[in-house]
Amino acid sequence: MVTRNKLVNRIILYTLVTLTVVTTVFPFLVMLSTSLKSNEDAISVIPHLIPSTITFEHFRDVLNPSVFPFWTYFKNSFEISFITALLSLIVGIMGAYSFARLEYKGRGVLQKGVLMIYMFSGVLLVVPLFKMVNLAGLYDTKLSLIITYLVLTMPVTLYMLGNYFRTIPESLEEAALIDGLSRVQVIYKIVLPLSMPAIVSVFVYVFMIAWNDYLFASVFITSEDNMTLPIGLSHLFHTKHYVWGRMMAASLLTALPVVLMFGFMERYFTGGLTDGGVKG
């Protein structure tokens, strides 16, 4: 009876996992299939997943600057996303460590207060942020997006890193302090190496937020030279270059950097790095 129940539970589990994988992967398969189809095949009355003839014409068109300025949008998105994620880590590490380890007046209020930004949706913040950006003379600049994304992602950066820093045994830091290390040296030589899973997670999270944002980029950016990929893809819908195959090819190329980032950084998404760090 026990064996039968285990078998049933295993079948249910595998079925749910299979359905989840299929549901997740299927849209990407459709995107890939459409991007490899000819224009006539893509708008066929009878849809089919496997292209009757495979063509790379849409990818060539997307990567052709005379047809679509993909590389300009890509460069802008990468610069904004990378700088935002890097600054978020630099500032967030110091702030999160102070929340996790240091004692000072008002720490609890400040720690809870930074999360108040998530009580408001992004739409409500567009107008006040737009006025601030305009008054600062940063309208239609990449810096306006970097500052905006940094403000929006800093609370979760502090929250995630602070919670992870608390899992590191304080005895490791105390031993380093006794050995003559300063507090800053303890952070960079002890805390950061042991916190790579959290640091990588925060970097990828912030990068993805900045990479995929449409709302603020559409409001703060107007010139094509500063546009990001989400804005560029939306413009592709409203130009003579809009065809389904080309749109799907551009979407796949836009998603590729994030997928590659997850692949390269997957080995850092592990826990328990401090296991065995303290004897006894």
C-alpha atoms as a PDB file:
ATOM      1  CA  MET A   1       0.000   0.000   0.000  1.00  0.00           C
ATOM      2  CA  VAL A   2       2.828   2.350   0.905  1.00  0.00           C
ATOM      3  CA  THR A   3       4.638   1.511  -2.324  1.00  0.00           C
ATOM      4  CA  ARG A   4       1.478   2.150  -4.340  1.00  0.00           C
ATOM      5  CA  ASN A   5       0.977   5.551  -2.703  1.00  0.00           C
ATOM      6  CA  LYS A   6       4.575   6.479  -3.432  1.00  0.00           C
ATOM      7  CA  LEU A   7       4.081   5.472  -7.067  1.00  0.00           C
ATOM      8  CA  VAL A   8       0.918   7.574  -7.364  1.00  0.00           C
ATOM      9  CA  ASN A   9       2.613  10.557  -5.733  1.00  0.00           C
ATOM     10  CA  ARG A  10       5.578  10.199  -8.050  1.00  0.00           C
ATOM     11  CA  ILE A  11       3.332  10.051 -11.119  1.00  0.00           C
ATOM     12  CA  ILE A  12       1.468  13.169  -9.981  1.00  0.00           C
ATOM     13  CA  LEU A  13       4.749  14.968  -9.310  1.00  0.00           C
ATOM     14  CA  TYR A  14       6.231  14.075 -12.703  1.00  0.00           C
ATOM     15  CA  THR A  15       3.003  15.074 -14.422  1.00  0.00           C
ATOM     16  CA  LEU A  16       2.977  18.474 -12.751  1.00  0.00           C
ATOM     17  CA  VAL A  17       6.656  19.035 -13.533  1.00  0.00           C
ATOM     18  CA  THR A  18       6.092  18.057 -17.172  1.00  0.00           C
ATOM     19  CA  LEU A  19       3.096  20.383 -17.500  1.00  0.00           C
ATOM     20  CA  THR A  20       5.079  23.218 -15.925  1.00  0.00           C
ATOM     21  CA  VAL A  21       8.028  22.701 -18.279  1.00  0.00           C
ATOM     22  CA  VAL A  22       5.790  22.456 -21.350  1.00  0.00           C
ATOM     23  CA  THR A  23       3.838  25.558 -20.344  1.00  0.00           C
ATOM     24  CA  THR A  24       7.063  27.481 -19.797  1.00  0.00           C
ATOM     25  CA  VAL A  25       8.951  26.318 -22.875  1.00  0.00           C
ATOM     26  CA  PHE A  26       6.092  26.282 -25.395  1.00  0.00           C
ATOM     27  CA  PRO A  27       5.921  30.094 -25.921  1.00  0.00           C
ATOM     28  CA  PHE A  28       9.649  30.139 -26.669  1.00  0.00           C
ATOM     29  CA  LEU A  29       9.239  27.280 -29.131  1.00  0.00           C
ATOM     30  CA  VAL A  30       6.495  29.219 -30.899  1.00  0.00           C
ATOM     31  CA  MET A  31       8.735  32.308 -31.014  1.00  0.00           C
ATOM     32  CA  LEU A  32      11.626  30.291 -32.428  1.00  0.00           C
ATOM     33  CA  SER A  33       9.386  28.549 -34.954  1.00  0.00           C
ATOM     34  CA  THR A  34       7.839  31.811 -36.160  1.00  0.00           C
ATOM     35  CA  SER A  35      11.218  33.514 -36.457  1.00  0.00           C
ATOM     36  CA  LEU A  36      12.429  30.717 -38.747  1.00  0.00           C
ATOM     37  CA  LYS A  37       9.348  30.768 -41.015  1.00  0.00           C
ATOM     38  CA  SER A  38       8.854  32.736 -44.197  1.00  0.00           C
ATOM     39  CA  ASN A  39       6.334  35.582 -44.139  1.00  0.00           C
ATOM     40  CA  GLU A  40       3.728  33.494 -45.940  1.00  0.00           C
ATOM     41  CA  ASP A  41       4.289  30.531 -43.663  1.00  0.00           C
ATOM     42  CA  ALA A  42       4.086  32.691 -40.500  1.00  0.00           C
ATOM     43  CA  ILE A  43       0.597  34.014 -41.351  1.00  0.00           C
ATOM     44  CA  SER A  44      -0.708  30.694 -42.644  1.00  0.00           C
ATOM     45  CA  VAL A  45      -4.371  29.976 -41.945  1.00  0.00           C
ATOM     46  CA  ILE A  46      -3.430  26.582 -40.491  1.00  0.00           C
ATOM     47  CA  PRO A  47      -0.761  27.164 -37.824  1.00  0.00           C
ATOM     48  CA  HIS A  48       1.988  24.603 -37.412  1.00  0.00           C
ATOM     49  CA  LEU A  49       4.934  24.503 -35.050  1.00  0.00           C
ATOM     50  CA  ILE A  50       7.523  23.032 -37.417  1.00  0.00           C
ATOM     51  CA  PRO A  51       8.387  25.393 -40.312  1.00  0.00           C
ATOM     52  CA  SER A  52       7.879  23.963 -43.770  1.00  0.00           C
ATOM     53  CA  THR A  53      11.014  25.830 -44.872  1.00  0.00           C
ATOM     54  CA  ILE A  54      13.622  27.274 -42.522  1.00  0.00           C
ATOM     55  CA  THR A  55      14.908  30.782 -43.222  1.00  0.00           C
ATOM     56  CA  PHE A  56      17.221  33.110 -41.289  1.00  0.00           C
ATOM     57  CA  GLU A  57      16.021  36.150 -43.202  1.00  0.00           C
ATOM     58  CA  HIS A  58      14.302  37.681 -40.166  1.00  0.00           C
ATOM     59  CA  PHE A  59      17.417  37.431 -38.007  1.00  0.00           C
ATOM     60  CA  ARG A  60      19.496  39.046 -40.763  1.00  0.00           C
ATOM     61  CA  ASP A  61      16.977  41.869 -41.061  1.00  0.00           C
ATOM     62  CA  VAL A  62      16.914  42.500 -37.313  1.00  0.00           C
ATOM     63  CA  LEU A  63      20.708  42.640 -37.145  1.00  0.00           C
ATOM     64  CA  ASN A  64      20.899  44.884 -40.211  1.00  0.00           C
ATOM     65  CA  PRO A  65      21.262  48.519 -39.000  1.00  0.00           C
ATOM     66  CA  SER A  66      19.619  49.843 -42.155  1.00  0.00           C
ATOM     67  CA  VAL A  67      16.456  47.878 -41.359  1.00  0.00           C
ATOM     68  CA  PHE A  68      16.350  47.940 -37.553  1.00  0.00           C
ATOM     69  CA  PRO A  69      18.846  49.624 -35.154  1.00  0.00           C
ATOM     70  CA  PHE A  70      19.017  46.549 -32.914  1.00  0.00           C
ATOM     71  CA  TRP A  71      22.630  47.064 -31.869  1.00  0.00           C
ATOM     72  CA  THR A  72      21.994  50.642 -30.747  1.00  0.00           C
ATOM     73  CA  TYR A  73      19.080  49.528 -28.572  1.00  0.00           C
ATOM     74  CA  PHE A  74      21.087  46.547 -27.315  1.00  0.00           C
ATOM     75  CA  LYS A  75      24.049  48.723 -26.315  1.00  0.00           C
ATOM     76  CA  ASN A  76      21.800  51.175 -24.483  1.00  0.00           C
ATOM     77  CA  SER A  77      19.952  48.422 -22.627  1.00  0.00           C
ATOM     78  CA  PHE A  78      23.151  46.656 -21.634  1.00  0.00           C
ATOM     79  CA  GLU A  79      24.862  49.834 -20.406  1.00  0.00           C
ATOM     80  CA  ILE A  80      21.857  50.908 -18.349  1.00  0.00           C
ATOM     81  CA  SER A  81      21.197  47.436 -16.918  1.00  0.00           C
ATOM     82  CA  PHE A  82      24.818  46.616 -16.091  1.00  0.00           C
ATOM     83  CA  ILE A  83      25.591  49.977 -14.467  1.00  0.00           C
ATOM     84  CA  THR A  84      22.345  49.866 -12.478  1.00  0.00           C
ATOM     85  CA  ALA A  85      23.038  46.342 -11.208  1.00  0.00           C
ATOM     86  CA  LEU A  86      26.633  47.194 -10.320  1.00  0.00           C
ATOM     87  CA  LEU A  87      25.706  50.369  -8.445  1.00  0.00           C
ATOM     88  CA  SER A  88      22.894  48.545  -6.695  1.00  0.00           C
ATOM     89  CA  LEU A  89      25.393  46.014  -5.355  1.00  0.00           C
ATOM     90  CA  ILE A  90      27.986  48.609  -4.318  1.00  0.00           C
ATOM     91  CA  VAL A  91      25.476  50.676  -2.365  1.00  0.00           C
ATOM     92  CA  GLY A  92      23.338  47.727  -1.256  1.00  0.00           C
ATOM     93  CA  ILE A  93      26.207  45.727   0.253  1.00  0.00           C
ATOM     94  CA  MET A  94      27.165  48.539   2.613  1.00  0.00           C
ATOM     95  CA  GLY A  95      23.586  49.351   3.559  1.00  0.00           C
ATOM     96  CA  ALA A  96      22.566  45.716   4.028  1.00  0.00           C
ATOM     97  CA  TYR A  97      25.617  45.001   6.178  1.00  0.00           C
ATOM     98  CA  SER A  98      24.779  47.928   8.431  1.00  0.00           C
ATOM     99  CA  PHE A  99      21.246  46.590   8.836  1.00  0.00           C
ATOM    100  CA  ALA A 100      22.499  43.096   9.604  1.00  0.00           C
ATOM    101  CA  ARG A 101      25.443  43.783  11.913  1.00  0.00           C
ATOM    102  CA  LEU A 102      25.710  47.353  13.171  1.00  0.00           C
ATOM    103  CA  GLU A 103      23.768  48.867  16.039  1.00  0.00           C
ATOM    104  CA  TYR A 104      22.670  52.486  15.737  1.00  0.00           C
ATOM    105  CA  LYS A 105      19.677  54.619  16.563  1.00  0.00           C
ATOM    106  CA  GLY A 106      16.802  54.373  14.092  1.00  0.00           C
ATOM    107  CA  ARG A 107      18.117  51.261  12.346  1.00  0.00           C
ATOM    108  CA  GLY A 108      14.830  49.363  12.647  1.00  0.00           C
ATOM    109  CA  VAL A 109      12.731  52.258  11.374  1.00  0.00           C
ATOM    110  CA  LEU A 110      15.092  52.865   8.468  1.00  0.00           C
ATOM    111  CA  GLN A 111      15.193  49.165   7.598  1.00  0.00           C
ATOM    112  CA  LYS A 112      11.414  48.915   7.428  1.00  0.00           C
ATOM    113  CA  GLY A 113      11.021  52.300   5.790  1.00  0.00           C
ATOM    114  CA  VAL A 114      12.999  51.419   2.657  1.00  0.00           C
ATOM    115  CA  LEU A 115      10.343  48.844   1.755  1.00  0.00           C
ATOM    116  CA  MET A 116       7.593  51.469   1.726  1.00  0.00           C
ATOM    117  CA  ILE A 117       8.300  52.181  -1.935  1.00  0.00           C
ATOM    118  CA  TYR A 118       6.630  48.881  -2.815  1.00  0.00           C
ATOM    119  CA  MET A 119       3.358  50.159  -1.382  1.00  0.00           C
ATOM    120  CA  PHE A 120       3.033  52.220  -4.581  1.00  0.00           C
ATOM    121  CA  SER A 121       2.805  50.870  -8.107  1.00  0.00           C
ATOM    122  CA  GLY A 122       5.161  52.067 -10.798  1.00  0.00           C
ATOM    123  CA  VAL A 123       2.370  53.960 -12.548  1.00  0.00           C
ATOM    124  CA  LEU A 124       1.849  56.169  -9.480  1.00  0.00           C
ATOM    125  CA  LEU A 125       5.553  57.002  -9.365  1.00  0.00           C
ATOM    126  CA  VAL A 126       5.871  57.984 -13.032  1.00  0.00           C
ATOM    127  CA  VAL A 127       4.604  61.569 -12.683  1.00  0.00           C
ATOM    128  CA  PRO A 128       6.662  62.622  -9.608  1.00  0.00           C
ATOM    129  CA  LEU A 129       9.766  60.904 -10.959  1.00  0.00           C
ATOM    130  CA  PHE A 130       9.250  62.547 -14.349  1.00  0.00           C
ATOM    131  CA  LYS A 131       9.061  65.989 -12.718  1.00  0.00           C
ATOM    132  CA  MET A 132      12.210  65.297 -10.694  1.00  0.00           C
ATOM    133  CA  VAL A 133      14.091  64.057 -13.754  1.00  0.00           C
ATOM    134  CA  ASN A 134      12.943  67.051 -15.787  1.00  0.00           C
ATOM    135  CA  LEU A 135      13.931  69.567 -13.097  1.00  0.00           C
ATOM    136  CA  ALA A 136      17.349  67.908 -12.775  1.00  0.00           C
ATOM    137  CA  GLY A 137      17.910  68.317 -16.527  1.00  0.00           C
ATOM    138  CA  LEU A 138      18.205  64.559 -17.051  1.00  0.00           C
ATOM    139  CA  TYR A 139      15.240  64.082 -19.389  1.00  0.00           C
ATOM    140  CA  ASP A 140      16.049  61.886 -22.406  1.00  0.00           C
ATOM    141  CA  THR A 141      19.302  60.626 -20.890  1.00  0.00           C
ATOM    142  CA  LYS A 142      20.448  57.161 -19.848  1.00  0.00           C
ATOM    143  CA  LEU A 143      21.344  58.520 -16.434  1.00  0.00           C
ATOM    144  CA  SER A 144      17.669  59.226 -15.736  1.00  0.00           C
ATOM    145  CA  LEU A 145      16.863  55.526 -16.156  1.00  0.00           C
ATOM    146  CA  ILE A 146      19.879  54.394 -14.120  1.00  0.00           C
ATOM    147  CA  ILE A 147      18.868  56.584 -11.174  1.00  0.00           C
ATOM    148  CA  THR A 148      15.215  55.530 -11.452  1.00  0.00           C
ATOM    149  CA  TYR A 149      15.989  51.810 -11.571  1.00  0.00           C
ATOM    150  CA  LEU A 150      18.464  52.185  -8.721  1.00  0.00           C
ATOM    151  CA  VAL A 151      15.808  53.802  -6.538  1.00  0.00           C
ATOM    152  CA  LEU A 152      13.211  51.174  -7.434  1.00  0.00           C
ATOM    153  CA  THR A 153      15.451  48.138  -6.849  1.00  0.00           C
ATOM    154  CA  MET A 154      17.454  49.313  -3.829  1.00  0.00           C
ATOM    155  CA  PRO A 155      14.843  48.221  -1.231  1.00  0.00           C
ATOM    156  CA  VAL A 156      14.799  44.607  -2.402  1.00  0.00           C
ATOM    157  CA  THR A 157      18.604  44.661  -2.715  1.00  0.00           C
ATOM    158  CA  LEU A 158      18.922  45.736   0.928  1.00  0.00           C
ATOM    159  CA  TYR A 159      16.320  43.201   2.010  1.00  0.00           C
ATOM    160  CA  MET A 160      17.840  40.206   0.188  1.00  0.00           C
ATOM    161  CA  LEU A 161      21.459  40.938   1.078  1.00  0.00           C
ATOM    162  CA  GLY A 162      20.633  41.856   4.678  1.00  0.00           C
ATOM    163  CA  ASN A 163      18.802  38.581   5.273  1.00  0.00           C
ATOM    164  CA  TYR A 164      21.666  36.603   3.747  1.00  0.00           C
ATOM    165  CA  PHE A 165      24.325  38.418   5.785  1.00  0.00           C
ATOM    166  CA  ARG A 166      22.469  37.411   8.952  1.00  0.00           C
ATOM    167  CA  THR A 167      22.959  33.727   8.049  1.00  0.00           C
ATOM    168  CA  ILE A 168      26.745  34.110   8.181  1.00  0.00           C
ATOM    169  CA  PRO A 169      28.057  33.200  11.663  1.00  0.00           C
ATOM    170  CA  GLU A 170      29.176  36.311  13.531  1.00  0.00           C
ATOM    171  CA  SER A 171      31.999  34.285  15.055  1.00  0.00           C
ATOM    172  CA  LEU A 172      33.768  34.303  11.672  1.00  0.00           C
ATOM    173  CA  GLU A 173      33.755  38.098  11.604  1.00  0.00           C
ATOM    174  CA  GLU A 174      34.746  38.349  15.269  1.00  0.00           C
ATOM    175  CA  ALA A 175      37.727  36.094  14.658  1.00  0.00           C
ATOM    176  CA  ALA A 176      38.791  38.240  11.717  1.00  0.00           C
ATOM    177  CA  LEU A 177      38.471  41.402  13.809  1.00  0.00           C
ATOM    178  CA  ILE A 178      40.607  39.833  16.547  1.00  0.00           C
ATOM    179  CA  ASP A 179      43.225  38.991  13.916  1.00  0.00           C
ATOM    180  CA  GLY A 180      43.531  42.686  13.107  1.00  0.00           C
ATOM    181  CA  LEU A 181      41.198  43.162  10.134  1.00  0.00           C
ATOM    182  CA  SER A 182      39.155  46.351   9.929  1.00  0.00           C
ATOM    183  CA  ARG A 183      35.379  46.278   9.474  1.00  0.00           C
ATOM    184  CA  VAL A 184      35.726  47.090   5.776  1.00  0.00           C
ATOM    185  CA  GLN A 185      38.294  44.306   5.320  1.00  0.00           C
ATOM    186  CA  VAL A 186      35.950  41.882   7.060  1.00  0.00           C
ATOM    187  CA  ILE A 187      33.224  42.759   4.561  1.00  0.00           C
ATOM    188  CA  TYR A 188      35.390  42.251   1.479  1.00  0.00           C
ATOM    189  CA  LYS A 189      37.492  39.311   2.697  1.00  0.00           C
ATOM    190  CA  ILE A 190      34.970  37.358   4.770  1.00  0.00           C
ATOM    191  CA  VAL A 191      31.385  38.397   4.099  1.00  0.00           C
ATOM    192  CA  LEU A 192      31.405  38.886   0.331  1.00  0.00           C
ATOM    193  CA  PRO A 193      33.100  35.573  -0.609  1.00  0.00           C
ATOM    194  CA  LEU A 194      30.565  33.733   1.550  1.00  0.00           C
ATOM    195  CA  SER A 195      27.646  35.689   0.078  1.00  0.00           C
ATOM    196  CA  MET A 196      28.190  35.032  -3.619  1.00  0.00           C
ATOM    197  CA  PRO A 197      24.809  33.283  -4.095  1.00  0.00           C
ATOM    198  CA  ALA A 198      22.964  36.323  -2.748  1.00  0.00           C
ATOM    199  CA  ILE A 199      25.174  38.791  -4.605  1.00  0.00           C
ATOM    200  CA  VAL A 200      24.709  37.013  -7.925  1.00  0.00           C
ATOM    201  CA  SER A 201      20.961  36.692  -7.330  1.00  0.00           C
ATOM    202  CA  VAL A 202      20.640  40.416  -6.638  1.00  0.00           C
ATOM    203  CA  PHE A 203      22.760  41.325  -9.665  1.00  0.00           C
ATOM    204  CA  VAL A 204      20.667  39.178 -11.998  1.00  0.00           C
ATOM    205  CA  TYR A 205      17.421  40.434 -10.463  1.00  0.00           C
ATOM    206  CA  VAL A 206      18.325  44.115 -10.848  1.00  0.00           C
ATOM    207  CA  PHE A 207      19.725  43.511 -14.339  1.00  0.00           C
ATOM    208  CA  MET A 208      16.481  41.862 -15.413  1.00  0.00           C
ATOM    209  CA  ILE A 209      14.339  44.669 -13.980  1.00  0.00           C
ATOM    210  CA  ALA A 210      16.330  47.287 -15.883  1.00  0.00           C
ATOM    211  CA  TRP A 211      16.606  45.159 -19.034  1.00  0.00           C
ATOM    212  CA  ASN A 212      12.872  44.473 -19.344  1.00  0.00           C
ATOM    213  CA  ASP A 213      11.439  47.805 -18.178  1.00  0.00           C
ATOM    214  CA  TYR A 214       9.117  49.533 -20.611  1.00  0.00           C
ATOM    215  CA  LEU A 215       7.132  51.998 -18.496  1.00  0.00           C
ATOM    216  CA  PHE A 216       9.852  54.396 -17.332  1.00  0.00           C
ATOM    217  CA  ALA A 217      11.928  54.054 -20.494  1.00  0.00           C
ATOM    218  CA  SER A 218       8.929  55.029 -22.625  1.00  0.00           C
ATOM    219  CA  VAL A 219       8.346  58.155 -20.502  1.00  0.00           C
ATOM    220  CA  PHE A 220      11.917  59.344 -19.904  1.00  0.00           C
ATOM    221  CA  ILE A 221      13.452  58.558 -23.307  1.00  0.00           C
ATOM    222  CA  THR A 222      12.418  60.087 -26.640  1.00  0.00           C
ATOM    223  CA  SER A 223      15.464  60.065 -28.921  1.00  0.00           C
ATOM    224  CA  GLU A 224      16.274  56.904 -30.827  1.00  0.00           C
ATOM    225  CA  ASP A 225      19.952  57.070 -29.840  1.00  0.00           C
ATOM    226  CA  ASN A 226      19.012  56.509 -26.177  1.00  0.00           C
ATOM    227  CA  MET A 227      16.163  54.041 -26.609  1.00  0.00           C
ATOM    228  CA  THR A 228      16.308  50.594 -25.010  1.00  0.00           C
ATOM    229  CA  LEU A 229      15.265  47.281 -26.495  1.00  0.00           C
ATOM    230  CA  PRO A 230      11.722  47.147 -25.050  1.00  0.00           C
ATOM    231  CA  ILE A 231      10.989  50.546 -26.612  1.00  0.00           C
ATOM    232  CA  GLY A 232      12.632  49.516 -29.866  1.00  0.00           C
ATOM    233  CA  LEU A 233      10.538  46.349 -30.044  1.00  0.00           C
ATOM    234  CA  SER A 234       7.345  48.319 -29.479  1.00  0.00           C
ATOM    235  CA  HIS A 235       8.308  50.668 -32.319  1.00  0.00           C
ATOM    236  CA  LEU A 236       8.843  47.656 -34.545  1.00  0.00           C
ATOM    237  CA  PHE A 237       5.108  46.993 -34.295  1.00  0.00           C
ATOM    238  CA  HIS A 238       4.255  50.398 -35.754  1.00  0.00           C
ATOM    239  CA  THR A 239       6.641  50.609 -38.687  1.00  0.00           C
ATOM    240  CA  LYS A 240       6.744  49.232 -42.207  1.00  0.00           C
ATOM    241  CA  HIS A 241       9.308  46.696 -40.976  1.00  0.00           C
ATOM    242  CA  TYR A 242       6.722  44.942 -38.795  1.00  0.00           C
ATOM    243  CA  VAL A 243       6.253  41.293 -39.707  1.00  0.00           C
ATOM    244  CA  TRP A 244       5.660  38.422 -37.290  1.00  0.00           C
ATOM    245  CA  GLY A 245       8.874  36.606 -38.110  1.00  0.00           C
ATOM    246  CA  ARG A 246      10.989  39.710 -37.642  1.00  0.00           C
ATOM    247  CA  MET A 247       9.229  40.554 -34.391  1.00  0.00           C
ATOM    248  CA  MET A 248       9.822  37.062 -32.980  1.00  0.00           C
ATOM    249  CA  ALA A 249      13.468  37.119 -34.072  1.00  0.00           C
ATOM    250  CA  ALA A 250      14.009  40.445 -32.300  1.00  0.00           C
ATOM    251  CA  SER A 251      12.246  39.143 -29.176  1.00  0.00           C
ATOM    252  CA  LEU A 252      14.435  36.042 -29.055  1.00  0.00           C
ATOM    253  CA  LEU A 253      17.608  38.088 -29.423  1.00  0.00           C
ATOM    254  CA  THR A 254      16.385  40.380 -26.642  1.00  0.00           C
ATOM    255  CA  ALA A 255      15.821  37.448 -24.269  1.00  0.00           C
ATOM    256  CA  LEU A 256      19.150  35.779 -25.109  1.00  0.00           C
ATOM    257  CA  PRO A 257      21.444  37.867 -22.829  1.00  0.00           C
ATOM    258  CA  VAL A 258      19.376  37.103 -19.730  1.00  0.00           C
ATOM    259  CA  VAL A 259      19.297  33.382 -20.585  1.00  0.00           C
ATOM    260  CA  LEU A 260      23.059  33.344 -21.103  1.00  0.00           C
ATOM    261  CA  MET A 261      23.567  35.203 -17.824  1.00  0.00           C
ATOM    262  CA  PHE A 262      21.593  32.567 -15.952  1.00  0.00           C
ATOM    263  CA  GLY A 263      23.598  29.836 -17.650  1.00  0.00           C
ATOM    264  CA  PHE A 264      26.996  31.325 -16.780  1.00  0.00           C
ATOM    265  CA  MET A 265      26.045  32.242 -13.203  1.00  0.00           C
ATOM    266  CA  GLU A 266      24.121  29.096 -12.364  1.00  0.00           C
ATOM    267  CA  ARG A 267      27.012  27.647 -10.410  1.00  0.00           C
ATOM    268  CA  TYR A 268      26.776  30.540  -7.964  1.00  0.00           C
ATOM    269  CA  PHE A 269      23.142  29.838  -7.151  1.00  0.00           C
ATOM    270  CA  THR A 270      24.039  27.421  -4.379  1.00  0.00           C
ATOM    271  CA  GLY A 271      23.489  27.616  -0.676  1.00  0.00           C
ATOM    272  CA  GLY A 272      25.257  26.342   2.370  1.00  0.00           C
ATOM    273  CA  LEU A 273      28.613  27.917   1.578  1.00  0.00           C
ATOM    274  CA  THR A 274      29.152  28.625   5.266  1.00  0.00           C
ATOM    275  CA  ASP A 275      28.492  25.041   6.346  1.00  0.00           C
ATOM    276  CA  GLY A 276      31.520  23.883   8.248  1.00  0.00           C
ATOM    277  CA  GLY A 277      32.825  27.443   8.566  1.00  0.00           C
ATOM    278  CA  VAL A 278      32.564  27.182  12.345  1.00  0.00           C
ATOM    279  CA  LYS A 279      33.823  24.140  14.188  1.00  0.00           C
ATOM    280  CA  GLY A 280      31.499  22.633  16.780  1.00  0.00           C
END
